[in-house]
Amino acid sequence: MHSIADPRRWAHPLVAVAAAAILGDATATAWPLTIPAAVAVIASVAGGIAFRSAWMRWAAAVLFALSLSHLRADAVYRPYVPAEHVAALELPRRVMIDAEVARSPERRASGWRLVLDVRAIGGDPRSRPASGRVALSLRASQQPWARGDRLRGVLRLRRPRNFGNPGEFDYVGWMARRSVYVTAFAYDDAGLERLPGPGPGIFARWRADVARLMGEHGGAREAALLRALVVGMAADLPAGMREAFARAGVSHILAISGLHVGFVAATGYLVFRWLLARSEALLLWLVVPKVAAALSLLPVLLYAGIAGSNVATWRAVAMAALALIGVVADRQRQLSVALAAAALGLLVLSPGVSAEVSFQLSFVAVGALLIATESFRRWWKPWADERLLHLQPRRARWLRASLGYGLIAMTALLATMPLVALHFQRVSAMAPVANLVATPLLASIVVPLGLAAALLAPLSESAAGVLVRAAALRA
């Protein structure tokens, strides 16, 4: 069996298909090759049917993934909109809209953002059905908006636009990937009519309860940091704290990603394995590690429900699920294939996602870590045997853990540094030291305590409050 560091492992057909799909998805941002891509889809399907060689069929599969992913992403950036879609209106213009709040309101540093599913436009009696999404920015809000609420009012609609500066953030593309092609702005919501809907779902209420609990049992600064670290609510972070994290090169800690999901998966696995091992009958009848891995998917999915939806979170959930499934299917070593499958899954669910910074950082970091950790494993055994470290097991464990942690921290940092420089135009000289110090402090103390409080909150708010206070002391 080839190692992860072996180039032959990365030549697995599924890895090649995923790489082609990412390339096709990425090129749609700037180069609309709709007709050539459509011809390539037809040619690849015909070739896959006609070819008898397995390698030729895989080549057809690669071409199919490349061209189809390009077409799907192109449909996101340059969509066909029917006549009743709000994007088909002559914009900008003021219009009465009747809409439903499609997502939980997003708190931002500059105010609030509501994503609206439009149901009708125009006032009575000339109202007519309409469709499409509008992103409404509010500088201030006095009404308790929630997902499912009805909104009626006059808004000035316009198309999102970029300023045209070299290297600027692609705001138009970012909105398109969220199916938003029309925006609106209002200073406040005083002139908007709100009709309460069914209220937020169970996960939204859970998330809000955890955020409230952190505010009640921690100071303003500590509560803001805990909300960002545990439930992904970063809007309340003071600007000074954000800048401090950015200068230190540890802003990635504030994003809900592999650090959090991996901890939940590992903890769930250890807990379920320990519980199952208490029974001799279960030990005899079940393969306990596999059952524990399967059961660990439950806390991972529960945590994803309260952590909010973003690419990094769902990439981490996909990777954790595939890793746990690999344990069940005895495929623990095929992590490069699991990474490829996770990328394909995200591309299927979210065309255009390759342009997201979090997607790029996540997959570059994980890919580099797979290569580095396997290389370290292959290097460690002969090096340790040469120095007879097996005669000093305690020292060997401590040394391996220390070297392994340093390798992981530095590999992720160095692998993502070019992307950070490209997207954010800054690289911190303090990042190597800060990552070695801040990451373990938050990962081993603050995040676990915050996650435990979040999971315990529905059962006992008083017990969860104790954990929040303990986490706040370390934050």
Protein backbone atom coordinates (compact mmCIF):
# COMPACT_ATOMS: atom_id res chain seq x y z
CA MET A 1 0.00 0.00 0.00
CA HIS A 2 1.40 3.38 -0.98
CA SER A 3 1.89 6.10 1.63
CA ILE A 4 0.11 9.43 1.49
CA ALA A 5 3.42 11.11 0.67
CA ASP A 6 3.92 8.77 -2.32
CA PRO A 7 2.92 10.52 -5.57
CA ARG A 8 1.20 7.30 -6.67
CA ARG A 9 -1.36 7.73 -3.87
CA TRP A 10 -2.26 11.18 -5.17
CA ALA A 11 -2.64 9.71 -8.67
CA HIS A 12 -5.76 7.86 -7.53
CA PRO A 13 -8.48 8.41 -10.18
CA LEU A 14 -10.84 10.08 -7.71
CA VAL A 15 -8.13 12.59 -6.78
CA ALA A 16 -7.64 13.38 -10.48
CA VAL A 17 -11.41 13.81 -10.95
CA ALA A 18 -11.60 16.15 -7.92
CA ALA A 19 -8.65 18.22 -9.17
CA ALA A 20 -10.30 18.56 -12.58
CA ALA A 21 -13.61 19.57 -11.01
CA ILE A 22 -11.89 22.24 -8.90
CA LEU A 23 -10.10 23.60 -12.00
CA GLY A 24 -13.33 23.74 -14.00
CA ASP A 25 -15.15 25.42 -11.12
CA ALA A 26 -12.37 27.99 -10.63
CA THR A 27 -12.06 28.98 -14.30
CA ALA A 28 -15.74 29.91 -14.52
CA THR A 29 -15.09 33.02 -12.41
CA ALA A 30 -13.23 34.83 -15.19
CA TRP A 31 -13.63 32.75 -18.37
CA PRO A 32 -17.17 31.84 -19.45
CA LEU A 33 -16.46 28.90 -21.78
CA THR A 34 -20.06 27.77 -21.93
CA ILE A 35 -20.18 26.31 -25.45
CA PRO A 36 -16.79 24.50 -25.31
CA ALA A 37 -17.67 23.12 -21.88
CA ALA A 38 -21.04 21.85 -23.11
CA VAL A 39 -19.36 20.15 -26.10
CA ALA A 40 -16.79 18.62 -23.73
CA VAL A 41 -19.56 17.22 -21.50
CA ILE A 42 -21.19 15.51 -24.49
CA ALA A 43 -17.82 14.24 -25.79
CA SER A 44 -16.79 12.86 -22.39
CA VAL A 45 -20.10 11.01 -21.97
CA ALA A 46 -19.79 9.54 -25.47
CA GLY A 47 -16.17 8.59 -24.84
CA GLY A 48 -16.99 6.97 -21.51
CA ILE A 49 -19.53 4.77 -23.29
CA ALA A 50 -17.33 3.98 -26.30
CA PHE A 51 -13.95 3.45 -24.63
CA ARG A 52 -13.08 -0.04 -23.44
CA SER A 53 -9.86 0.82 -21.66
CA ALA A 54 -10.28 1.64 -17.96
CA TRP A 55 -7.70 4.44 -18.22
CA MET A 56 -9.49 6.00 -21.17
CA ARG A 57 -12.76 5.89 -19.25
CA TRP A 58 -11.11 7.60 -16.30
CA ALA A 59 -9.75 10.23 -18.71
CA ALA A 60 -13.31 10.75 -19.95
CA ALA A 61 -14.44 11.05 -16.32
CA VAL A 62 -11.79 13.71 -15.71
CA LEU A 63 -12.94 15.68 -18.78
CA PHE A 64 -16.56 15.28 -17.68
CA ALA A 65 -15.78 16.62 -14.18
CA LEU A 66 -13.79 19.54 -15.60
CA SER A 67 -16.44 20.64 -18.09
CA LEU A 68 -19.54 19.96 -15.98
CA SER A 69 -18.17 21.81 -12.94
CA HIS A 70 -17.36 24.75 -15.22
CA LEU A 71 -20.90 24.79 -16.59
CA ARG A 72 -22.47 24.60 -13.12
CA ALA A 73 -20.30 27.43 -11.77
CA ASP A 74 -20.93 29.50 -14.90
CA ALA A 75 -24.66 29.18 -14.23
CA VAL A 76 -24.03 30.72 -10.80
CA TYR A 77 -22.08 33.73 -12.07
CA ARG A 78 -24.15 34.31 -15.23
CA PRO A 79 -27.56 32.87 -14.40
CA TYR A 80 -30.65 32.66 -16.51
CA VAL A 81 -33.40 34.53 -14.65
CA PRO A 82 -37.10 34.19 -15.54
CA ALA A 83 -39.28 37.26 -16.11
CA GLU A 84 -40.73 37.16 -12.58
CA HIS A 85 -37.28 37.16 -10.92
CA VAL A 86 -36.36 40.41 -9.17
CA ALA A 87 -33.04 40.42 -11.02
CA ALA A 88 -35.02 40.81 -14.28
CA LEU A 89 -36.33 44.22 -13.18
CA GLU A 90 -34.90 47.49 -14.49
CA LEU A 91 -32.59 48.38 -11.60
CA PRO A 92 -32.03 50.46 -9.59
CA ARG A 93 -35.63 51.25 -8.64
CA ARG A 94 -37.87 51.60 -5.62
CA VAL A 95 -40.47 48.91 -5.31
CA MET A 96 -42.86 47.46 -2.75
CA ILE A 97 -41.85 43.92 -1.92
CA ASP A 98 -43.45 41.08 0.02
CA ALA A 99 -40.78 38.63 1.15
CA GLU A 100 -39.85 36.01 3.71
CA VAL A 101 -36.66 36.06 5.78
CA ALA A 102 -34.76 33.08 4.36
CA ARG A 103 -32.00 32.78 6.97
CA SER A 104 -31.31 33.80 10.51
CA PRO A 105 -30.38 37.51 10.54
CA GLU A 106 -26.65 38.05 10.34
CA ARG A 107 -25.10 40.51 12.76
CA ARG A 108 -22.27 42.46 11.16
CA ALA A 109 -19.95 45.22 12.33
CA SER A 110 -21.86 47.72 10.19
CA GLY A 111 -25.35 46.57 11.23
CA TRP A 112 -27.56 43.67 10.17
CA ARG A 113 -28.09 41.70 7.00
CA LEU A 114 -31.37 39.99 6.11
CA VAL A 115 -31.55 37.55 3.20
CA LEU A 116 -35.07 37.72 1.76
CA ASP A 117 -36.94 35.30 -0.48
CA VAL A 118 -39.21 37.55 -2.52
CA ARG A 119 -42.81 36.37 -2.94
CA ALA A 120 -44.46 39.37 -4.60
CA ILE A 121 -43.67 42.90 -5.77
CA GLY A 122 -45.90 45.94 -6.12
CA GLY A 123 -48.58 47.24 -3.81
CA ASP A 124 -52.25 46.34 -3.80
CA PRO A 125 -54.07 46.00 -6.13
CA ARG A 126 -51.18 45.70 -8.64
CA SER A 127 -49.20 43.15 -6.70
CA ARG A 128 -47.80 40.30 -8.78
CA PRO A 129 -45.90 37.11 -7.86
CA ALA A 130 -42.13 37.34 -7.93
CA SER A 131 -39.10 35.21 -7.05
CA GLY A 132 -35.44 35.62 -6.27
CA ARG A 133 -33.38 36.71 -3.30
CA VAL A 134 -32.55 40.16 -1.99
CA ALA A 135 -29.81 40.90 0.54
CA LEU A 136 -31.08 43.75 2.72
CA SER A 137 -28.51 45.67 4.78
CA LEU A 138 -29.79 47.55 7.82
CA ARG A 139 -27.65 50.06 9.68
CA ALA A 140 -29.90 49.68 12.73
CA SER A 141 -32.73 47.34 13.65
CA GLN A 142 -35.43 47.69 16.29
CA GLN A 143 -37.55 44.69 15.30
CA PRO A 144 -36.74 41.08 16.37
CA TRP A 145 -36.33 39.62 12.90
CA ALA A 146 -36.08 35.83 12.66
CA ARG A 147 -36.02 33.23 9.96
CA GLY A 148 -39.50 32.67 8.55
CA ASP A 149 -40.79 36.20 9.27
CA ARG A 150 -42.74 38.03 6.55
CA LEU A 151 -41.47 41.47 5.51
CA ARG A 152 -43.43 44.09 3.58
CA GLY A 153 -42.15 47.50 2.63
CA VAL A 154 -40.72 49.78 -0.04
CA LEU A 155 -37.04 49.22 -0.77
CA ARG A 156 -34.64 50.63 -3.32
CA LEU A 157 -33.28 47.61 -5.17
CA ARG A 158 -30.00 47.60 -7.04
CA ARG A 159 -27.48 45.15 -8.42
CA PRO A 160 -24.35 44.39 -6.40
CA ARG A 161 -21.23 45.85 -7.98
CA ASN A 162 -17.47 45.84 -7.64
CA PHE A 163 -15.41 49.02 -7.68
CA GLY A 164 -12.96 47.78 -10.29
CA ASN A 165 -9.81 48.19 -8.21
CA PRO A 166 -6.97 45.73 -8.96
CA GLY A 167 -6.93 42.83 -6.51
CA GLU A 168 -10.22 43.87 -4.88
CA PHE A 169 -12.60 41.48 -3.15
CA ASP A 170 -15.07 40.06 -5.68
CA TYR A 171 -18.27 41.15 -3.94
CA VAL A 172 -20.46 40.38 -6.97
CA GLY A 173 -19.14 36.83 -7.21
CA TRP A 174 -19.41 36.34 -3.44
CA MET A 175 -23.10 37.32 -3.55
CA ALA A 176 -23.77 35.19 -6.64
CA ARG A 177 -22.43 32.10 -4.85
CA ARG A 178 -25.15 32.74 -2.29
CA SER A 179 -27.84 33.03 -5.00
CA VAL A 180 -28.16 36.79 -4.40
CA TYR A 181 -28.23 39.05 -7.47
CA VAL A 182 -30.11 42.02 -5.98
CA THR A 183 -29.32 44.09 -2.89
CA ALA A 184 -31.07 46.79 -0.89
CA PHE A 185 -30.13 49.16 1.91
CA ALA A 186 -32.15 50.91 4.61
CA TYR A 187 -30.89 52.91 7.53
CA ASP A 188 -33.34 51.18 9.86
CA ASP A 189 -36.43 48.96 9.74
CA ALA A 190 -38.94 51.53 11.06
CA GLY A 191 -40.72 51.66 7.72
CA LEU A 192 -40.87 47.89 7.26
CA GLU A 193 -43.82 45.76 8.31
CA ARG A 194 -42.95 42.53 10.12
CA LEU A 195 -45.35 39.60 10.31
CA PRO A 196 -43.93 37.00 12.72
CA GLY A 197 -43.31 33.59 11.21
CA PRO A 198 -43.12 30.19 12.91
CA GLY A 199 -39.96 31.26 14.74
CA PRO A 200 -36.41 29.96 14.54
CA GLY A 201 -35.68 26.24 14.35
CA ILE A 202 -34.27 24.15 17.14
CA PHE A 203 -30.66 24.68 16.14
CA ALA A 204 -31.06 28.44 15.78
CA ARG A 205 -32.65 28.60 19.25
CA TRP A 206 -29.88 26.41 20.65
CA ARG A 207 -27.24 28.66 19.11
CA ALA A 208 -28.93 31.80 20.45
CA ASP A 209 -29.23 30.26 23.94
CA VAL A 210 -25.53 29.39 23.97
CA ALA A 211 -24.62 32.94 22.87
CA ARG A 212 -26.87 34.41 25.58
CA LEU A 213 -25.34 32.11 28.20
CA MET A 214 -21.86 33.30 27.27
CA GLY A 215 -22.95 36.91 27.65
CA GLU A 216 -24.44 36.22 31.08
CA HIS A 217 -21.44 34.35 32.52
CA GLY A 218 -18.51 36.15 30.91
CA GLY A 219 -17.30 39.68 30.50
CA ALA A 220 -18.01 41.53 27.24
CA ARG A 221 -14.58 40.79 25.78
CA GLU A 222 -14.51 37.17 26.89
CA ALA A 223 -18.10 36.53 25.76
CA ALA A 224 -17.38 37.98 22.32
CA LEU A 225 -14.33 35.74 21.93
CA LEU A 226 -16.20 32.64 23.11
CA ARG A 227 -19.09 33.31 20.72
CA ALA A 228 -16.65 33.53 17.82
CA LEU A 229 -14.70 30.44 18.85
CA VAL A 230 -17.63 28.16 19.70
CA VAL A 231 -20.72 29.17 17.70
CA GLY A 232 -19.21 31.26 14.91
CA MET A 233 -20.70 34.62 15.96
CA ALA A 234 -17.80 36.95 15.30
CA ALA A 235 -19.72 40.22 14.77
CA ASP A 236 -19.34 41.31 18.41
CA LEU A 237 -15.55 40.98 18.42
CA PRO A 238 -13.97 44.38 19.15
CA ALA A 239 -12.00 45.81 16.26
CA GLY A 240 -8.88 45.92 18.41
CA MET A 241 -9.13 42.20 19.16
CA ARG A 242 -9.60 41.36 15.48
CA GLU A 243 -6.55 43.41 14.59
CA ALA A 244 -4.51 41.77 17.34
CA PHE A 245 -5.37 38.29 16.03
CA ALA A 246 -4.56 39.40 12.46
CA ARG A 247 -1.21 40.93 13.45
CA ALA A 248 -0.28 37.74 15.27
CA GLY A 249 -1.27 35.62 12.26
CA VAL A 250 -3.83 33.54 14.18
CA SER A 251 -7.09 34.85 12.70
CA HIS A 252 -7.86 31.32 11.53
CA ILE A 253 -8.59 30.36 15.15
CA LEU A 254 -11.70 32.56 15.05
CA ALA A 255 -13.25 30.48 12.23
CA ILE A 256 -15.29 27.38 13.01
CA SER A 257 -13.30 24.72 11.16
CA GLY A 258 -11.32 21.52 11.60
CA LEU A 259 -10.04 22.43 15.07
CA HIS A 260 -13.54 22.46 16.53
CA VAL A 261 -15.15 19.69 14.48
CA GLY A 262 -12.11 17.44 14.96
CA PHE A 263 -12.28 17.91 18.70
CA VAL A 264 -15.99 17.01 18.75
CA ALA A 265 -15.37 13.92 16.58
CA ALA A 266 -12.42 12.75 18.67
CA THR A 267 -14.22 13.31 21.96
CA GLY A 268 -17.33 11.54 20.70
CA TYR A 269 -15.25 8.59 19.54
CA LEU A 270 -13.41 8.26 22.85
CA VAL A 271 -16.58 8.58 24.92
CA PHE A 272 -18.55 6.04 22.88
CA ARG A 273 -15.64 3.64 22.79
CA TRP A 274 -15.23 3.86 26.57
CA LEU A 275 -18.96 3.33 27.15
CA LEU A 276 -19.18 0.34 24.80
CA ALA A 277 -16.08 -1.22 26.36
CA ARG A 278 -17.81 -1.33 29.76
CA SER A 279 -19.85 -4.33 28.55
CA GLU A 280 -18.20 -7.70 28.02
CA ALA A 281 -21.13 -8.81 25.86
CA LEU A 282 -20.71 -5.84 23.53
CA LEU A 283 -16.97 -6.44 23.32
CA LEU A 284 -17.67 -10.01 22.21
CA TRP A 285 -20.45 -9.23 19.74
CA LEU A 286 -19.38 -5.89 18.28
CA VAL A 287 -16.28 -4.38 16.72
CA VAL A 288 -16.24 -1.58 19.27
CA PRO A 289 -13.92 0.88 17.43
CA LYS A 290 -16.11 0.73 14.32
CA VAL A 291 -19.36 1.16 16.25
CA ALA A 292 -17.85 4.05 18.23
CA ALA A 293 -16.75 5.72 14.99
CA ALA A 294 -20.24 5.38 13.52
CA LEU A 295 -21.88 6.80 16.65
CA SER A 296 -19.44 9.73 16.67
CA LEU A 297 -21.16 11.13 13.59
CA LEU A 298 -24.09 12.16 15.79
CA PRO A 299 -22.26 14.78 17.93
CA VAL A 300 -20.45 16.03 14.82
CA LEU A 301 -23.75 16.70 13.03
CA LEU A 302 -25.28 18.21 16.17
CA TYR A 303 -22.38 20.62 16.52
CA ALA A 304 -22.54 21.54 12.83
CA GLY A 305 -26.18 22.48 13.40
CA ILE A 306 -25.35 25.12 16.01
CA ALA A 307 -22.05 26.30 14.51
CA GLY A 308 -23.66 28.04 11.55
CA SER A 309 -23.16 27.31 7.85
CA ASN A 310 -19.90 28.18 6.16
CA VAL A 311 -17.51 26.39 3.85
CA ALA A 312 -14.86 25.72 6.49
CA THR A 313 -17.39 24.17 8.87
CA TRP A 314 -18.96 21.89 6.30
CA ARG A 315 -15.55 20.96 4.85
CA ALA A 316 -14.50 19.93 8.33
CA VAL A 317 -17.76 18.03 8.86
CA ALA A 318 -17.32 16.25 5.53
CA MET A 319 -13.72 15.32 6.35
CA ALA A 320 -14.62 14.13 9.84
CA ALA A 321 -17.51 12.05 8.47
CA LEU A 322 -15.30 10.51 5.79
CA ALA A 323 -12.55 9.78 8.32
CA LEU A 324 -15.04 8.07 10.64
CA ILE A 325 -16.56 6.14 7.73
CA GLY A 326 -13.02 5.12 6.80
CA VAL A 327 -12.60 3.58 10.25
CA VAL A 328 -15.84 1.67 9.80
CA ALA A 329 -14.82 0.48 6.31
CA ASP A 330 -11.17 -0.26 7.20
CA ARG A 331 -9.93 2.53 4.93
CA GLN A 332 -8.19 4.72 7.50
CA ARG A 333 -5.11 5.25 5.36
CA GLN A 334 -6.92 6.50 2.23
CA LEU A 335 -7.20 10.07 3.51
CA SER A 336 -6.17 11.65 0.21
CA VAL A 337 -9.18 9.98 -1.39
CA ALA A 338 -11.38 11.20 1.47
CA LEU A 339 -10.11 14.75 0.88
CA ALA A 340 -10.96 14.44 -2.82
CA ALA A 341 -14.43 13.11 -1.99
CA ALA A 342 -15.02 16.03 0.39
CA ALA A 343 -14.02 18.51 -2.32
CA LEU A 344 -16.35 16.87 -4.86
CA GLY A 345 -19.19 16.89 -2.36
CA LEU A 346 -18.81 20.63 -1.73
CA LEU A 347 -18.57 21.36 -5.46
CA VAL A 348 -21.79 19.43 -6.08
CA LEU A 349 -23.63 21.22 -3.27
CA SER A 350 -22.16 24.70 -3.87
CA PRO A 351 -21.02 25.44 -7.45
CA GLY A 352 -18.40 28.18 -7.47
CA VAL A 353 -17.16 27.30 -3.99
CA SER A 354 -13.54 27.02 -5.16
CA ALA A 355 -13.39 30.83 -5.21
CA GLU A 356 -14.13 31.00 -1.47
CA VAL A 357 -11.05 31.85 0.58
CA SER A 358 -12.06 29.37 3.29
CA PHE A 359 -12.27 26.54 0.71
CA GLN A 360 -8.79 27.30 -0.60
CA LEU A 361 -7.22 27.66 2.84
CA SER A 362 -8.94 24.55 4.18
CA PHE A 363 -8.00 22.17 1.39
CA VAL A 364 -4.46 23.47 0.94
CA ALA A 365 -3.85 23.13 4.69
CA VAL A 366 -5.37 19.65 4.96
CA GLY A 367 -3.57 18.39 1.85
CA ALA A 368 -0.24 19.67 3.14
CA LEU A 369 -0.90 18.14 6.55
CA LEU A 370 -1.65 14.73 5.04
CA ILE A 371 1.68 14.73 3.23
CA ALA A 372 3.64 16.12 6.18
CA THR A 373 2.21 13.79 8.84
CA GLU A 374 2.75 10.68 6.71
CA SER A 375 6.30 11.78 5.90
CA PHE A 376 6.90 12.35 9.61
CA ARG A 377 5.54 8.91 10.47
CA ARG A 378 7.86 7.26 7.93
CA TRP A 379 10.85 9.26 9.19
CA TRP A 380 10.16 8.80 12.89
CA LYS A 381 10.40 5.02 13.21
CA PRO A 382 13.92 4.52 11.81
CA TRP A 383 15.13 7.68 13.54
CA ALA A 384 13.74 6.56 16.90
CA ASP A 385 14.99 2.99 16.45
CA GLU A 386 18.47 4.25 15.66
CA ARG A 387 18.52 6.10 18.98
CA LEU A 388 16.90 3.21 20.92
CA LEU A 389 14.03 5.42 22.02
CA HIS A 390 11.84 2.34 22.44
CA LEU A 391 13.82 1.73 25.63
CA GLN A 392 12.55 5.10 26.95
CA PRO A 393 8.82 4.98 26.11
CA ARG A 394 7.86 8.06 28.14
CA ARG A 395 10.55 10.21 26.55
CA ALA A 396 9.70 8.80 23.11
CA ARG A 397 6.01 9.68 23.47
CA TRP A 398 6.77 13.20 24.69
CA LEU A 399 9.31 13.82 21.92
CA ARG A 400 7.06 12.43 19.19
CA ALA A 401 4.09 14.51 20.36
CA SER A 402 6.19 17.68 20.57
CA LEU A 403 7.80 17.22 17.16
CA GLY A 404 4.51 16.19 15.60
CA TYR A 405 2.68 19.22 16.95
CA GLY A 406 5.40 21.59 15.78
CA LEU A 407 5.35 19.99 12.33
CA ILE A 408 1.57 20.28 12.05
CA ALA A 409 1.53 23.93 13.13
CA MET A 410 4.36 24.96 10.82
CA THR A 411 3.11 22.94 7.84
CA ALA A 412 -0.37 24.47 7.95
CA LEU A 413 1.13 27.95 8.37
CA LEU A 414 3.68 27.70 5.55
CA ALA A 415 1.27 25.99 3.15
CA THR A 416 -1.39 28.68 3.52
CA MET A 417 0.94 31.69 3.76
CA PRO A 418 0.94 32.42 -0.02
CA LEU A 419 -2.87 32.37 -0.07
CA VAL A 420 -3.04 34.63 2.98
CA ALA A 421 -0.66 37.08 1.31
CA LEU A 422 -2.70 36.96 -1.92
CA HIS A 423 -6.12 37.50 -0.36
CA PHE A 424 -5.32 39.70 2.65
CA GLN A 425 -2.10 41.44 1.51
CA ARG A 426 -0.41 40.76 4.82
CA VAL A 427 1.77 38.09 6.39
CA SER A 428 2.66 38.16 10.07
CA ALA A 429 6.28 37.64 11.09
CA MET A 430 4.98 36.60 14.52
CA ALA A 431 2.76 33.84 13.07
CA PRO A 432 5.15 30.89 13.64
CA VAL A 433 5.59 31.66 17.34
CA ALA A 434 2.00 32.79 17.88
CA ASN A 435 0.60 29.60 16.33
CA LEU A 436 2.79 27.44 18.54
CA VAL A 437 1.54 29.26 21.66
CA ALA A 438 -2.00 30.56 21.01
CA THR A 439 -3.39 27.55 19.16
CA PRO A 440 -2.71 24.97 21.89
CA LEU A 441 -3.89 27.36 24.61
CA LEU A 442 -7.24 27.91 22.92
CA ALA A 443 -7.53 24.42 21.44
CA SER A 444 -6.76 22.52 24.63
CA ILE A 445 -8.57 24.72 27.18
CA VAL A 446 -10.92 27.43 25.91
CA VAL A 447 -12.50 25.67 22.92
CA PRO A 448 -13.12 22.34 24.72
CA LEU A 449 -14.72 24.12 27.68
CA GLY A 450 -16.86 26.24 25.37
CA LEU A 451 -17.94 23.21 23.31
CA ALA A 452 -18.79 21.27 26.46
CA ALA A 453 -20.88 24.21 27.67
CA ALA A 454 -22.72 24.37 24.33
CA LEU A 455 -23.53 20.66 24.39
CA LEU A 456 -24.58 20.82 28.06
CA ALA A 457 -26.72 23.97 27.74
CA PRO A 458 -29.97 22.20 26.68
CA LEU A 459 -29.69 19.88 29.72
CA SER A 460 -28.52 22.25 32.46
CA GLU A 461 -27.89 25.97 32.03
CA SER A 462 -26.36 26.25 35.50
CA ALA A 463 -23.78 23.54 34.78
CA ALA A 464 -23.09 25.05 31.35
CA GLY A 465 -22.63 28.45 33.00
CA VAL A 466 -19.90 27.02 35.23
CA LEU A 467 -18.03 25.80 32.15
CA VAL A 468 -18.50 29.18 30.44
CA ARG A 469 -17.00 30.98 33.44
CA ALA A 470 -14.05 28.57 33.42
CA ALA A 471 -13.50 29.17 29.71
CA ALA A 472 -13.79 32.94 30.17
CA LEU A 473 -11.00 32.87 32.74
CA ARG A 474 -8.66 31.39 30.11
CA ALA A 475 -9.89 33.45 27.14
